[in-house]
Protein backbone atom coordinates (compact mmCIF):
# COMPACT_ATOMS: atom_id res chain seq x y z
CA MET A 1 0.05 0.09 0.03
CA ALA A 2 1.37 3.78 -0.95
CA SER A 3 2.24 5.98 1.75
CA ILE A 4 0.30 9.55 1.88
CA GLN A 5 3.90 10.85 0.49
CA GLU A 6 3.75 8.65 -2.46
CA ARG A 7 -0.40 8.86 -3.35
CA LEU A 8 0.36 12.73 -3.70
CA THR A 9 3.17 12.35 -5.57
CA GLU A 10 1.40 10.52 -8.19
CA LEU A 11 -1.52 12.98 -8.33
CA PHE A 12 0.54 16.28 -8.49
CA GLU A 13 3.66 15.42 -10.07
CA PRO A 14 1.48 15.45 -13.25
CA VAL A 15 -0.14 19.16 -12.69
CA VAL A 16 3.25 20.90 -11.17
CA GLU A 17 5.17 19.63 -14.41
CA SER A 18 2.37 20.64 -16.98
CA LEU A 19 3.43 24.35 -15.11
CA GLY A 20 6.77 23.80 -16.43
CA CYS A 21 7.98 23.14 -13.11
CA GLU A 22 9.34 20.58 -11.17
CA LEU A 23 7.85 18.67 -8.25
CA TRP A 24 10.83 18.77 -5.31
CA GLY A 25 9.12 17.22 -3.12
CA ILE A 26 6.07 16.60 -0.56
CA GLU A 27 6.03 16.94 3.44
CA TYR A 28 2.93 15.56 5.12
CA MET A 29 2.51 16.10 8.58
CA ALA A 30 -0.02 15.37 11.04
CA GLN A 31 -0.69 18.41 13.58
CA GLY A 32 -2.78 16.44 16.19
CA ARG A 33 -6.12 14.44 15.05
CA HIS A 34 -8.42 16.86 12.90
CA ARG A 35 -5.00 19.00 11.17
CA ALA A 36 -2.47 18.51 8.73
CA LEU A 37 0.10 20.52 7.22
CA LEU A 38 0.84 19.52 3.34
CA ARG A 39 4.14 21.37 2.46
CA ILE A 40 4.69 21.18 -1.81
CA TYR A 41 8.65 22.00 -2.67
CA ILE A 42 8.42 23.09 -6.71
CA ASP A 43 11.43 24.14 -8.39
CA LYS A 44 12.77 24.63 -12.47
CA GLU A 45 15.94 26.14 -13.30
CA GLU A 46 15.70 29.78 -13.58
CA GLY A 47 14.28 29.49 -10.44
CA ILE A 48 10.45 29.61 -8.51
CA GLY A 49 8.54 32.75 -7.94
CA VAL A 50 5.80 33.64 -5.97
CA GLU A 51 3.53 33.39 -9.01
CA ASP A 52 5.19 29.82 -9.81
CA CYS A 53 3.64 29.08 -6.27
CA GLU A 54 0.54 30.95 -6.78
CA ARG A 55 -0.26 28.54 -9.92
CA VAL A 56 0.84 25.07 -8.27
CA SER A 57 -1.06 26.14 -5.21
CA ARG A 58 -4.64 26.84 -7.49
CA GLN A 59 -3.97 23.63 -9.19
CA VAL A 60 -3.00 21.31 -6.27
CA SER A 61 -6.36 22.48 -4.61
CA SER A 62 -8.36 21.52 -7.36
CA VAL A 63 -6.91 18.30 -7.56
CA LEU A 64 -7.09 17.61 -3.43
CA ASP A 65 -10.74 18.86 -4.11
CA VAL A 66 -11.61 16.47 -6.73
CA GLU A 67 -9.75 13.21 -5.34
CA ASP A 68 -9.82 14.04 -1.47
CA PRO A 69 -6.74 12.38 -0.36
CA ILE A 70 -6.63 13.91 2.91
CA GLN A 71 -9.78 13.01 5.19
CA SER A 72 -8.62 15.48 7.55
CA GLU A 73 -8.42 19.42 8.06
CA TYR A 74 -5.26 21.05 6.27
CA THR A 75 -2.86 23.65 5.52
CA LEU A 76 -1.26 23.89 1.77
CA GLU A 77 2.07 25.41 1.45
CA VAL A 78 3.47 26.03 -1.83
CA SER A 79 7.15 26.71 -1.84
CA SER A 80 10.56 26.79 -3.36
CA PRO A 81 13.02 24.50 -1.66
CA GLY A 82 15.21 27.60 -1.08
CA MET A 83 19.39 27.20 0.08
CA ASP A 84 18.49 24.54 2.62
CA ARG A 85 16.45 22.79 0.47
CA PRO A 86 15.43 19.51 1.90
CA LEU A 87 16.27 16.02 0.10
CA PHE A 88 13.62 14.10 -0.80
CA LYS A 89 15.37 11.58 -3.67
CA LEU A 90 18.52 9.44 -4.08
CA LYS A 91 19.02 11.13 -7.27
CA GLN A 92 19.20 14.67 -5.36
CA PHE A 93 21.50 13.43 -3.44
CA GLU A 94 23.36 12.41 -5.96
CA ALA A 95 22.95 16.03 -7.73
CA ASN A 96 24.42 17.56 -4.17
CA VAL A 97 27.50 15.01 -3.69
CA GLY A 98 30.28 17.90 -2.14
CA GLU A 99 27.72 19.82 -0.66
CA ARG A 100 27.24 19.64 3.87
CA VAL A 101 23.86 18.10 4.26
CA ALA A 102 22.27 17.47 7.74
CA VAL A 103 20.83 13.97 8.20
CA ARG A 104 18.29 12.50 10.58
CA LEU A 105 17.42 8.94 10.44
CA ARG A 106 14.38 6.96 11.20
CA LEU A 107 16.42 4.61 13.52
CA PRO A 108 19.71 5.06 15.33
CA PHE A 109 22.74 3.88 13.25
CA GLU A 110 25.69 3.21 14.94
CA GLY A 111 24.45 4.47 18.05
CA ARG A 112 23.08 8.07 16.28
CA ARG A 113 20.38 9.55 14.56
CA LYS A 114 22.07 12.83 13.62
CA PHE A 115 24.51 13.69 11.46
CA THR A 116 26.02 16.68 9.53
CA GLY A 117 28.75 16.45 7.07
CA LEU A 118 30.18 16.77 3.74
CA LEU A 119 27.64 14.16 1.03
CA LYS A 120 30.81 12.32 -0.48
CA GLY A 121 28.85 10.31 -2.72
CA ILE A 122 25.83 7.19 -3.32
CA GLU A 123 26.99 3.52 -3.41
CA ASN A 124 24.29 0.85 -3.59
CA GLU A 125 21.88 2.58 -2.74
CA GLU A 126 23.31 4.32 0.37
CA VAL A 127 24.67 7.54 1.43
CA VAL A 128 28.13 8.47 1.96
CA LEU A 129 28.85 10.99 4.60
CA GLU A 130 32.18 12.26 6.15
CA VAL A 131 31.51 13.60 9.64
CA ASP A 132 34.56 15.02 11.42
CA ASN A 133 37.00 12.67 9.11
CA GLU A 134 34.94 9.69 10.00
CA GLU A 135 33.31 8.28 6.80
CA TYR A 136 29.50 6.85 7.63
CA ILE A 137 27.52 4.98 4.93
CA LEU A 138 23.87 5.16 5.72
CA PRO A 139 21.31 3.33 4.04
CA TYR A 140 18.89 4.92 2.31
CA GLU A 141 15.71 3.78 3.20
CA LEU A 142 16.43 4.70 6.74
CA ILE A 143 16.81 8.21 6.18
CA ASP A 144 13.75 10.24 7.63
CA LYS A 145 14.87 13.91 7.01
CA ALA A 146 17.89 15.43 5.05
CA ASN A 147 18.34 19.14 3.58
CA ILE A 148 21.56 20.86 1.99
CA VAL A 149 23.43 23.07 4.83
CA PRO A 150 24.28 26.53 3.24
CA GLN A 151 27.64 27.67 3.70
CA PHE A 152 28.77 31.46 3.90
């Protein structure tokens, strides 16, 4: 059975792409029993503007009204991934090799759940991260949340 994120991705990806954007990722967070936050990240090569977010928000709202995949009340947010962009897909990790990333795991790995370090690469669907001169090979399926750590 598909997760709510997978179901929403299937519904929204064609809509977002038809508007000239890429569906970067979806966050769905229950906030109590009767409320949820649905955050949709979109991107495109020349950058995302407020107009892009408005167009995607209107179209996605229409899809949500018709398909009704979320049973509770929800708040819909559409935005660009920003400088501290979250990483949702393995190909996004591959595209950001060399960046500093913060990773939170679903379960502890070698006694810890949080890692921040240099993204060294991807090997056999595992994320290679260098933290304090030590290399960690993190199973992709254990990653709960990951994002770029902007360098200034």
